[in-house]
Amino acid sequence: MPTRFIGQGYWEIISRQMSIVTKSQQEKFKNAEITVIGTGGIGGATLEMLARQGVGKLNFVDKDVFDLSNLNRQVMSNLDALGRDKTLVTKEELRKINPYVETNRINQEINEDNVEEIIKGSDILIDAVDNLITRVILTRAANKLNIPYIHGAIHGTAGQITTFTNDTPTYEELFKFPSIGKKLDNNVREDIQKMTRGVPPVIGPVPNIIGCLEAFESFKLITGVGKVTYAPELLSFDLLDLKSFEVLEI
């Protein structure tokens, strides 16, 4: 950290939000550990906002490298980052934003064998992926370990977000997956894949809005400020019609 900032520190970075929360509430966030799966369009924005809000520790998981197609939306990407591990670039960028945040990068692909080890100890698990099977793996592990799971997804100009806990319907139940109560064998995975519409089209503002919302839902959940959107409620929108922002009950 440049020497001119020494002594200003953590509380100066987040000083502008201290009329919104009390110091004790912010302390809860300062001591929180959040795991974000994915560091791309949604994940990059989520991680940046969590760091700027002053979270204590961030774990982030991604196995990909940045490429040119990421530049239209992924805030951690730039020309110098092309071909580099997303988690490494993200760690470097977060360090520049808030050096008081502890960061732990995990350059792996999430699967049933490693998911519990990766997310254990987290206060919140955030979904920033675009793969339905991965989401099922995440939500099952979060449910087993009693970790709140914040889901966000986009398609084109539309987005949605909600939060799952052990007191809400599960992700699979809410969206009526064919995998409910079943082992994720090849047949079940094929059934889940049939639900997908392929690689989703995306334009820059949409995943970044979802990422910001996921970060703020985390802030509300940890600090107790405001009302969290829990399943079966779902916040949805389409940026082609700003009047479409609404909370639905599915």
C-alpha atoms as a PDB file:
ATOM      1  CA  MET A   1       0.000   0.000   0.000  1.00  0.00           C
ATOM      2  CA  PRO A   2       1.368   3.470  -0.810  1.00  0.00           C
ATOM      3  CA  THR A   3       2.759   5.102   2.330  1.00  0.00           C
ATOM      4  CA  ARG A   4       0.446   8.097   1.981  1.00  0.00           C
ATOM      5  CA  PHE A   5      -2.502   5.829   2.865  1.00  0.00           C
ATOM      6  CA  ILE A   6      -0.959   4.248   5.948  1.00  0.00           C
ATOM      7  CA  GLY A   7      -2.988   5.248   8.992  1.00  0.00           C
ATOM      8  CA  GLN A   8      -6.188   5.966   7.046  1.00  0.00           C
ATOM      9  CA  GLY A   9      -6.964   2.303   6.742  1.00  0.00           C
ATOM     10  CA  TYR A  10     -10.065   0.188   6.635  1.00  0.00           C
ATOM     11  CA  TRP A  11     -12.485   2.605   8.281  1.00  0.00           C
ATOM     12  CA  GLU A  12     -11.557   5.459   5.977  1.00  0.00           C
ATOM     13  CA  ILE A  13     -12.221   3.295   2.910  1.00  0.00           C
ATOM     14  CA  ILE A  14     -15.790   2.538   4.016  1.00  0.00           C
ATOM     15  CA  SER A  15     -16.456   5.854   5.791  1.00  0.00           C
ATOM     16  CA  ARG A  16     -19.115   7.023   3.317  1.00  0.00           C
ATOM     17  CA  GLN A  17     -21.394   4.076   4.155  1.00  0.00           C
ATOM     18  CA  MET A  18     -21.190   4.529   7.908  1.00  0.00           C
ATOM     19  CA  SER A  19     -24.366   6.624   8.004  1.00  0.00           C
ATOM     20  CA  ILE A  20     -26.198   3.564   6.635  1.00  0.00           C
ATOM     21  CA  VAL A  21     -24.900   1.013   9.148  1.00  0.00           C
ATOM     22  CA  THR A  22     -23.667   1.174  12.718  1.00  0.00           C
ATOM     23  CA  LYS A  23     -20.082   0.358  13.573  1.00  0.00           C
ATOM     24  CA  SER A  24     -21.136  -2.917  15.188  1.00  0.00           C
ATOM     25  CA  GLN A  25     -23.037  -3.887  12.034  1.00  0.00           C
ATOM     26  CA  GLN A  26     -20.038  -3.043   9.868  1.00  0.00           C
ATOM     27  CA  GLU A  27     -17.840  -5.066  12.230  1.00  0.00           C
ATOM     28  CA  LYS A  28     -19.972  -8.103  11.426  1.00  0.00           C
ATOM     29  CA  PHE A  29     -19.251  -7.591   7.733  1.00  0.00           C
ATOM     30  CA  LYS A  30     -15.564  -6.973   8.469  1.00  0.00           C
ATOM     31  CA  ASN A  31     -15.447 -10.375  10.153  1.00  0.00           C
ATOM     32  CA  ALA A  32     -17.442 -12.205   7.484  1.00  0.00           C
ATOM     33  CA  GLU A  33     -16.112 -14.800   5.037  1.00  0.00           C
ATOM     34  CA  ILE A  34     -17.857 -15.054   1.668  1.00  0.00           C
ATOM     35  CA  THR A  35     -17.183 -17.526  -1.135  1.00  0.00           C
ATOM     36  CA  VAL A  36     -17.982 -16.571  -4.730  1.00  0.00           C
ATOM     37  CA  ILE A  37     -18.091 -19.235  -7.416  1.00  0.00           C
ATOM     38  CA  GLY A  38     -17.091 -17.622 -10.702  1.00  0.00           C
ATOM     39  CA  THR A  39     -15.043 -14.477 -11.335  1.00  0.00           C
ATOM     40  CA  GLY A  40     -16.512 -13.487 -14.701  1.00  0.00           C
ATOM     41  CA  GLY A  41     -19.388 -11.142 -15.499  1.00  0.00           C
ATOM     42  CA  ILE A  42     -21.451 -11.627 -12.362  1.00  0.00           C
ATOM     43  CA  GLY A  43     -18.608 -12.750 -10.117  1.00  0.00           C
ATOM     44  CA  GLY A  44     -16.225  -9.930 -10.935  1.00  0.00           C
ATOM     45  CA  ALA A  45     -18.800  -7.271 -10.075  1.00  0.00           C
ATOM     46  CA  THR A  46     -19.835  -9.155  -6.924  1.00  0.00           C
ATOM     47  CA  LEU A  47     -16.260  -9.437  -5.696  1.00  0.00           C
ATOM     48  CA  GLU A  48     -15.439  -5.801  -6.425  1.00  0.00           C
ATOM     49  CA  MET A  49     -18.482  -4.535  -4.533  1.00  0.00           C
ATOM     50  CA  LEU A  50     -17.876  -6.876  -1.597  1.00  0.00           C
ATOM     51  CA  ALA A  51     -14.332  -5.549  -1.328  1.00  0.00           C
ATOM     52  CA  ARG A  52     -15.479  -1.934  -1.564  1.00  0.00           C
ATOM     53  CA  GLN A  53     -18.097  -2.596   1.136  1.00  0.00           C
ATOM     54  CA  GLY A  54     -15.357  -3.901   3.424  1.00  0.00           C
ATOM     55  CA  VAL A  55     -15.934  -7.629   3.731  1.00  0.00           C
ATOM     56  CA  GLY A  56     -13.313  -9.462   5.792  1.00  0.00           C
ATOM     57  CA  LYS A  57     -12.392 -12.451   3.629  1.00  0.00           C
ATOM     58  CA  LEU A  58     -13.170 -13.453   0.048  1.00  0.00           C
ATOM     59  CA  ASN A  59     -12.722 -16.902  -1.432  1.00  0.00           C
ATOM     60  CA  PHE A  60     -13.231 -17.059  -5.186  1.00  0.00           C
ATOM     61  CA  VAL A  61     -13.219 -20.016  -7.518  1.00  0.00           C
ATOM     62  CA  ASP A  62     -12.669 -20.170 -11.270  1.00  0.00           C
ATOM     63  CA  LYS A  63     -10.615 -22.353 -13.600  1.00  0.00           C
ATOM     64  CA  ASP A  64     -10.698 -20.149 -16.724  1.00  0.00           C
ATOM     65  CA  VAL A  65      -8.455 -17.503 -18.250  1.00  0.00           C
ATOM     66  CA  PHE A  66      -9.572 -14.170 -19.672  1.00  0.00           C
ATOM     67  CA  ASP A  67     -10.165 -13.852 -23.422  1.00  0.00           C
ATOM     68  CA  LEU A  68     -11.350 -11.127 -25.784  1.00  0.00           C
ATOM     69  CA  SER A  69     -15.009 -12.161 -25.528  1.00  0.00           C
ATOM     70  CA  ASN A  70     -14.956 -11.270 -21.814  1.00  0.00           C
ATOM     71  CA  LEU A  71     -14.230  -7.585 -22.372  1.00  0.00           C
ATOM     72  CA  ASN A  72     -17.841  -6.578 -23.034  1.00  0.00           C
ATOM     73  CA  ARG A  73     -18.918  -7.289 -19.460  1.00  0.00           C
ATOM     74  CA  GLN A  74     -16.283  -8.716 -17.076  1.00  0.00           C
ATOM     75  CA  VAL A  75     -14.963  -5.859 -14.939  1.00  0.00           C
ATOM     76  CA  MET A  76     -11.811  -7.711 -13.915  1.00  0.00           C
ATOM     77  CA  SER A  77     -10.793  -8.186 -17.567  1.00  0.00           C
ATOM     78  CA  ASN A  78      -8.628  -5.909 -19.716  1.00  0.00           C
ATOM     79  CA  LEU A  79      -6.181  -6.301 -22.588  1.00  0.00           C
ATOM     80  CA  ASP A  80      -3.268  -6.942 -20.234  1.00  0.00           C
ATOM     81  CA  ALA A  81      -5.230  -9.746 -18.541  1.00  0.00           C
ATOM     82  CA  LEU A  82      -5.859 -11.784 -21.695  1.00  0.00           C
ATOM     83  CA  GLY A  83      -4.642 -15.361 -21.339  1.00  0.00           C
ATOM     84  CA  ARG A  84      -4.078 -14.998 -17.593  1.00  0.00           C
ATOM     85  CA  ASP A  85      -5.890 -16.931 -14.869  1.00  0.00           C
ATOM     86  CA  LYS A  86      -9.063 -15.112 -13.856  1.00  0.00           C
ATOM     87  CA  THR A  87      -8.467 -15.828 -10.171  1.00  0.00           C
ATOM     88  CA  LEU A  88      -4.938 -14.410 -10.252  1.00  0.00           C
ATOM     89  CA  VAL A  89      -5.981 -11.218 -12.045  1.00  0.00           C
ATOM     90  CA  THR A  90      -8.944 -10.853  -9.681  1.00  0.00           C
ATOM     91  CA  LYS A  91      -6.714 -11.202  -6.617  1.00  0.00           C
ATOM     92  CA  GLU A  92      -4.413  -8.488  -7.966  1.00  0.00           C
ATOM     93  CA  GLU A  93      -7.297  -6.127  -8.718  1.00  0.00           C
ATOM     94  CA  LEU A  94      -8.959  -6.640  -5.344  1.00  0.00           C
ATOM     95  CA  ARG A  95      -5.670  -5.856  -3.642  1.00  0.00           C
ATOM     96  CA  LYS A  96      -5.647  -2.486  -5.418  1.00  0.00           C
ATOM     97  CA  ILE A  97      -9.229  -1.761  -4.315  1.00  0.00           C
ATOM     98  CA  ASN A  98      -9.068  -2.745  -0.643  1.00  0.00           C
ATOM     99  CA  PRO A  99      -5.844  -4.221   0.755  1.00  0.00           C
ATOM    100  CA  TYR A 100      -7.569  -4.940   4.066  1.00  0.00           C
ATOM    101  CA  VAL A 101      -9.639  -7.732   2.519  1.00  0.00           C
ATOM    102  CA  GLU A 102      -8.111 -11.191   2.860  1.00  0.00           C
ATOM    103  CA  THR A 103      -8.318 -12.957  -0.505  1.00  0.00           C
ATOM    104  CA  ASN A 104      -8.057 -16.640  -1.312  1.00  0.00           C
ATOM    105  CA  ARG A 105      -8.067 -17.667  -4.966  1.00  0.00           C
ATOM    106  CA  ILE A 106      -8.955 -21.224  -5.950  1.00  0.00           C
ATOM    107  CA  ASN A 107      -8.081 -22.130  -9.538  1.00  0.00           C
ATOM    108  CA  GLN A 108     -10.275 -25.218  -9.759  1.00  0.00           C
ATOM    109  CA  GLU A 109     -13.503 -26.453 -11.261  1.00  0.00           C
ATOM    110  CA  ILE A 110     -16.249 -27.090  -8.716  1.00  0.00           C
ATOM    111  CA  ASN A 111     -17.450 -30.685  -8.522  1.00  0.00           C
ATOM    112  CA  GLU A 112     -19.142 -32.992  -6.037  1.00  0.00           C
ATOM    113  CA  ASP A 113     -15.784 -34.150  -4.657  1.00  0.00           C
ATOM    114  CA  ASN A 114     -14.302 -30.760  -3.765  1.00  0.00           C
ATOM    115  CA  VAL A 115     -17.280 -28.469  -3.165  1.00  0.00           C
ATOM    116  CA  GLU A 116     -17.716 -29.030   0.573  1.00  0.00           C
ATOM    117  CA  GLU A 117     -14.010 -28.556   1.284  1.00  0.00           C
ATOM    118  CA  ILE A 118     -14.016 -25.306  -0.715  1.00  0.00           C
ATOM    119  CA  ILE A 119     -17.090 -23.694   0.837  1.00  0.00           C
ATOM    120  CA  LYS A 120     -16.872 -24.918   4.446  1.00  0.00           C
ATOM    121  CA  GLY A 121     -16.502 -22.099   6.940  1.00  0.00           C
ATOM    122  CA  SER A 122     -18.180 -19.573   4.647  1.00  0.00           C
ATOM    123  CA  ASP A 123     -20.857 -17.283   6.025  1.00  0.00           C
ATOM    124  CA  ILE A 124     -22.397 -16.955   2.545  1.00  0.00           C
ATOM    125  CA  LEU A 125     -22.012 -18.782  -0.765  1.00  0.00           C
ATOM    126  CA  ILE A 126     -22.614 -16.739  -3.930  1.00  0.00           C
ATOM    127  CA  ASP A 127     -23.527 -18.252  -7.289  1.00  0.00           C
ATOM    128  CA  ALA A 128     -21.884 -16.448 -10.205  1.00  0.00           C
ATOM    129  CA  VAL A 129     -21.878 -19.333 -12.682  1.00  0.00           C
ATOM    130  CA  ASP A 130     -23.748 -20.088 -15.889  1.00  0.00           C
ATOM    131  CA  ASN A 131     -23.964 -23.866 -15.519  1.00  0.00           C
ATOM    132  CA  LEU A 132     -27.087 -25.553 -14.132  1.00  0.00           C
ATOM    133  CA  ILE A 133     -25.332 -28.711 -12.928  1.00  0.00           C
ATOM    134  CA  THR A 134     -22.785 -26.637 -11.031  1.00  0.00           C
ATOM    135  CA  ARG A 135     -25.630 -24.712  -9.407  1.00  0.00           C
ATOM    136  CA  VAL A 136     -27.243 -27.957  -8.256  1.00  0.00           C
ATOM    137  CA  ILE A 137     -23.916 -29.104  -6.779  1.00  0.00           C
ATOM    138  CA  LEU A 138     -23.497 -25.762  -5.013  1.00  0.00           C
ATOM    139  CA  THR A 139     -26.993 -25.531  -3.598  1.00  0.00           C
ATOM    140  CA  ARG A 140     -26.911 -29.109  -2.286  1.00  0.00           C
ATOM    141  CA  ALA A 141     -23.589 -28.508  -0.525  1.00  0.00           C
ATOM    142  CA  ALA A 142     -24.746 -25.176   0.898  1.00  0.00           C
ATOM    143  CA  ASN A 143     -27.909 -26.794   2.197  1.00  0.00           C
ATOM    144  CA  LYS A 144     -25.944 -29.636   3.794  1.00  0.00           C
ATOM    145  CA  LEU A 145     -23.535 -27.231   5.504  1.00  0.00           C
ATOM    146  CA  ASN A 146     -26.295 -24.731   6.402  1.00  0.00           C
ATOM    147  CA  ILE A 147     -24.706 -21.888   4.431  1.00  0.00           C
ATOM    148  CA  PRO A 148     -26.991 -19.232   2.871  1.00  0.00           C
ATOM    149  CA  TYR A 149     -26.795 -19.470  -0.924  1.00  0.00           C
ATOM    150  CA  ILE A 150     -27.344 -16.356  -3.030  1.00  0.00           C
ATOM    151  CA  HIS A 151     -28.379 -17.173  -6.586  1.00  0.00           C
ATOM    152  CA  GLY A 152     -28.038 -14.810  -9.515  1.00  0.00           C
ATOM    153  CA  ALA A 153     -28.533 -15.485 -13.212  1.00  0.00           C
ATOM    154  CA  ILE A 154     -28.855 -13.592 -16.466  1.00  0.00           C
ATOM    155  CA  HIS A 155     -30.043 -14.178 -20.015  1.00  0.00           C
ATOM    156  CA  GLY A 156     -29.682 -11.441 -22.603  1.00  0.00           C
ATOM    157  CA  THR A 157     -31.077  -8.279 -21.056  1.00  0.00           C
ATOM    158  CA  ALA A 158     -32.844 -10.085 -18.189  1.00  0.00           C
ATOM    159  CA  GLY A 159     -31.649 -11.007 -14.715  1.00  0.00           C
ATOM    160  CA  GLN A 160     -32.859 -12.600 -11.503  1.00  0.00           C
ATOM    161  CA  ILE A 161     -31.678 -13.010  -7.922  1.00  0.00           C
ATOM    162  CA  THR A 162     -32.837 -14.698  -4.717  1.00  0.00           C
ATOM    163  CA  THR A 163     -31.438 -16.247  -1.549  1.00  0.00           C
ATOM    164  CA  PHE A 164     -31.810 -19.822  -0.329  1.00  0.00           C
ATOM    165  CA  THR A 165     -31.393 -21.088   3.229  1.00  0.00           C
ATOM    166  CA  ASN A 166     -32.396 -24.236   5.091  1.00  0.00           C
ATOM    167  CA  ASP A 167     -35.671 -22.443   5.905  1.00  0.00           C
ATOM    168  CA  THR A 168     -36.644 -21.823   2.256  1.00  0.00           C
ATOM    169  CA  PRO A 169     -37.455 -24.045  -0.694  1.00  0.00           C
ATOM    170  CA  THR A 170     -34.275 -25.338  -2.324  1.00  0.00           C
ATOM    171  CA  TYR A 171     -32.956 -24.135  -5.667  1.00  0.00           C
ATOM    172  CA  GLU A 172     -34.048 -27.403  -7.276  1.00  0.00           C
ATOM    173  CA  GLU A 173     -37.506 -27.193  -5.743  1.00  0.00           C
ATOM    174  CA  LEU A 174     -38.078 -23.553  -6.674  1.00  0.00           C
ATOM    175  CA  PHE A 175     -37.163 -24.050 -10.312  1.00  0.00           C
ATOM    176  CA  LYS A 176     -38.684 -27.549 -10.541  1.00  0.00           C
ATOM    177  CA  PHE A 177     -35.565 -29.464 -11.502  1.00  0.00           C
ATOM    178  CA  PRO A 178     -35.892 -33.129 -12.551  1.00  0.00           C
ATOM    179  CA  SER A 179     -33.010 -33.905 -10.179  1.00  0.00           C
ATOM    180  CA  ILE A 180     -34.889 -33.344  -6.907  1.00  0.00           C
ATOM    181  CA  GLY A 181     -33.971 -36.107  -4.459  1.00  0.00           C
ATOM    182  CA  LYS A 182     -31.844 -37.944  -7.027  1.00  0.00           C
ATOM    183  CA  LYS A 183     -28.143 -38.744  -7.269  1.00  0.00           C
ATOM    184  CA  LEU A 184     -26.383 -36.758  -9.996  1.00  0.00           C
ATOM    185  CA  ASP A 185     -25.672 -39.720 -12.242  1.00  0.00           C
ATOM    186  CA  ASN A 186     -25.279 -39.408 -16.007  1.00  0.00           C
ATOM    187  CA  ASN A 187     -28.994 -39.747 -16.710  1.00  0.00           C
ATOM    188  CA  VAL A 188     -29.953 -37.031 -14.218  1.00  0.00           C
ATOM    189  CA  ARG A 189     -27.211 -34.746 -15.539  1.00  0.00           C
ATOM    190  CA  GLU A 190     -28.589 -35.217 -19.051  1.00  0.00           C
ATOM    191  CA  ASP A 191     -32.065 -34.287 -17.819  1.00  0.00           C
ATOM    192  CA  ILE A 192     -30.672 -31.101 -16.251  1.00  0.00           C
ATOM    193  CA  GLN A 193     -28.768 -30.234 -19.425  1.00  0.00           C
ATOM    194  CA  LYS A 194     -32.023 -30.403 -21.379  1.00  0.00           C
ATOM    195  CA  MET A 195     -33.255 -27.441 -19.326  1.00  0.00           C
ATOM    196  CA  THR A 196     -30.505 -25.149 -20.583  1.00  0.00           C
ATOM    197  CA  ARG A 197     -30.809 -22.801 -23.539  1.00  0.00           C
ATOM    198  CA  GLY A 198     -27.122 -22.987 -24.384  1.00  0.00           C
ATOM    199  CA  VAL A 199     -24.546 -20.289 -23.748  1.00  0.00           C
ATOM    200  CA  PRO A 200     -26.613 -17.261 -22.687  1.00  0.00           C
ATOM    201  CA  PRO A 201     -26.370 -14.037 -24.684  1.00  0.00           C
ATOM    202  CA  VAL A 202     -25.229 -11.158 -22.507  1.00  0.00           C
ATOM    203  CA  ILE A 203     -24.652  -7.415 -22.631  1.00  0.00           C
ATOM    204  CA  GLY A 204     -22.391  -5.665 -20.133  1.00  0.00           C
ATOM    205  CA  PRO A 205     -24.726  -3.918 -17.675  1.00  0.00           C
ATOM    206  CA  VAL A 206     -26.865  -6.978 -16.908  1.00  0.00           C
ATOM    207  CA  PRO A 207     -24.371  -9.270 -15.119  1.00  0.00           C
ATOM    208  CA  ASN A 208     -22.853  -6.287 -13.369  1.00  0.00           C
ATOM    209  CA  ILE A 209     -26.229  -5.260 -11.957  1.00  0.00           C
ATOM    210  CA  ILE A 210     -26.773  -8.822 -10.733  1.00  0.00           C
ATOM    211  CA  GLY A 211     -23.297  -8.848  -9.203  1.00  0.00           C
ATOM    212  CA  CYS A 212     -23.950  -5.592  -7.366  1.00  0.00           C
ATOM    213  CA  LEU A 213     -27.277  -6.926  -6.101  1.00  0.00           C
ATOM    214  CA  GLU A 214     -25.679 -10.151  -4.871  1.00  0.00           C
ATOM    215  CA  ALA A 215     -23.036  -8.144  -3.029  1.00  0.00           C
ATOM    216  CA  PHE A 216     -25.665  -5.981  -1.360  1.00  0.00           C
ATOM    217  CA  GLU A 217     -27.884  -8.926  -0.448  1.00  0.00           C
ATOM    218  CA  SER A 218     -24.797 -10.352   1.269  1.00  0.00           C
ATOM    219  CA  PHE A 219     -24.296  -7.061   3.097  1.00  0.00           C
ATOM    220  CA  LYS A 220     -27.915  -7.071   4.267  1.00  0.00           C
ATOM    221  CA  LEU A 221     -27.760 -10.710   5.300  1.00  0.00           C
ATOM    222  CA  ILE A 222     -24.619 -10.253   7.401  1.00  0.00           C
ATOM    223  CA  THR A 223     -25.397  -6.841   8.936  1.00  0.00           C
ATOM    224  CA  GLY A 224     -29.151  -7.250   9.412  1.00  0.00           C
ATOM    225  CA  VAL A 225     -29.837  -3.980   7.572  1.00  0.00           C
ATOM    226  CA  GLY A 226     -32.833  -4.030   5.221  1.00  0.00           C
ATOM    227  CA  LYS A 227     -34.934  -6.891   3.882  1.00  0.00           C
ATOM    228  CA  VAL A 228     -33.303  -9.831   2.109  1.00  0.00           C
ATOM    229  CA  THR A 229     -35.142 -11.404  -0.826  1.00  0.00           C
ATOM    230  CA  TYR A 230     -35.576 -15.054   0.153  1.00  0.00           C
ATOM    231  CA  ALA A 231     -37.002 -17.870  -1.965  1.00  0.00           C
ATOM    232  CA  PRO A 232     -39.745 -18.378  -3.043  1.00  0.00           C
ATOM    233  CA  GLU A 233     -39.530 -14.634  -3.740  1.00  0.00           C
ATOM    234  CA  LEU A 234     -37.417 -13.708  -6.757  1.00  0.00           C
ATOM    235  CA  LEU A 235     -36.253 -10.283  -7.889  1.00  0.00           C
ATOM    236  CA  SER A 236     -36.338 -10.141 -11.684  1.00  0.00           C
ATOM    237  CA  PHE A 237     -35.901  -7.505 -14.364  1.00  0.00           C
ATOM    238  CA  ASP A 238     -35.371  -6.884 -18.060  1.00  0.00           C
ATOM    239  CA  LEU A 239     -33.299  -3.812 -18.877  1.00  0.00           C
ATOM    240  CA  LEU A 240     -35.279  -3.289 -22.068  1.00  0.00           C
ATOM    241  CA  ASP A 241     -38.146  -2.258 -19.790  1.00  0.00           C
ATOM    242  CA  LEU A 242     -37.129  -0.590 -16.543  1.00  0.00           C
ATOM    243  CA  LYS A 243     -40.683  -0.919 -15.265  1.00  0.00           C
ATOM    244  CA  SER A 244     -40.102  -4.674 -15.206  1.00  0.00           C
ATOM    245  CA  PHE A 245     -38.123  -4.578 -11.928  1.00  0.00           C
ATOM    246  CA  GLU A 246     -40.280  -6.539  -9.490  1.00  0.00           C
ATOM    247  CA  VAL A 247     -40.227  -9.139  -6.741  1.00  0.00           C
ATOM    248  CA  LEU A 248     -42.264 -12.186  -7.698  1.00  0.00           C
ATOM    249  CA  GLU A 249     -43.294 -15.186  -5.649  1.00  0.00           C
ATOM    250  CA  ILE A 250     -42.803 -18.379  -7.625  1.00  0.00           C
END
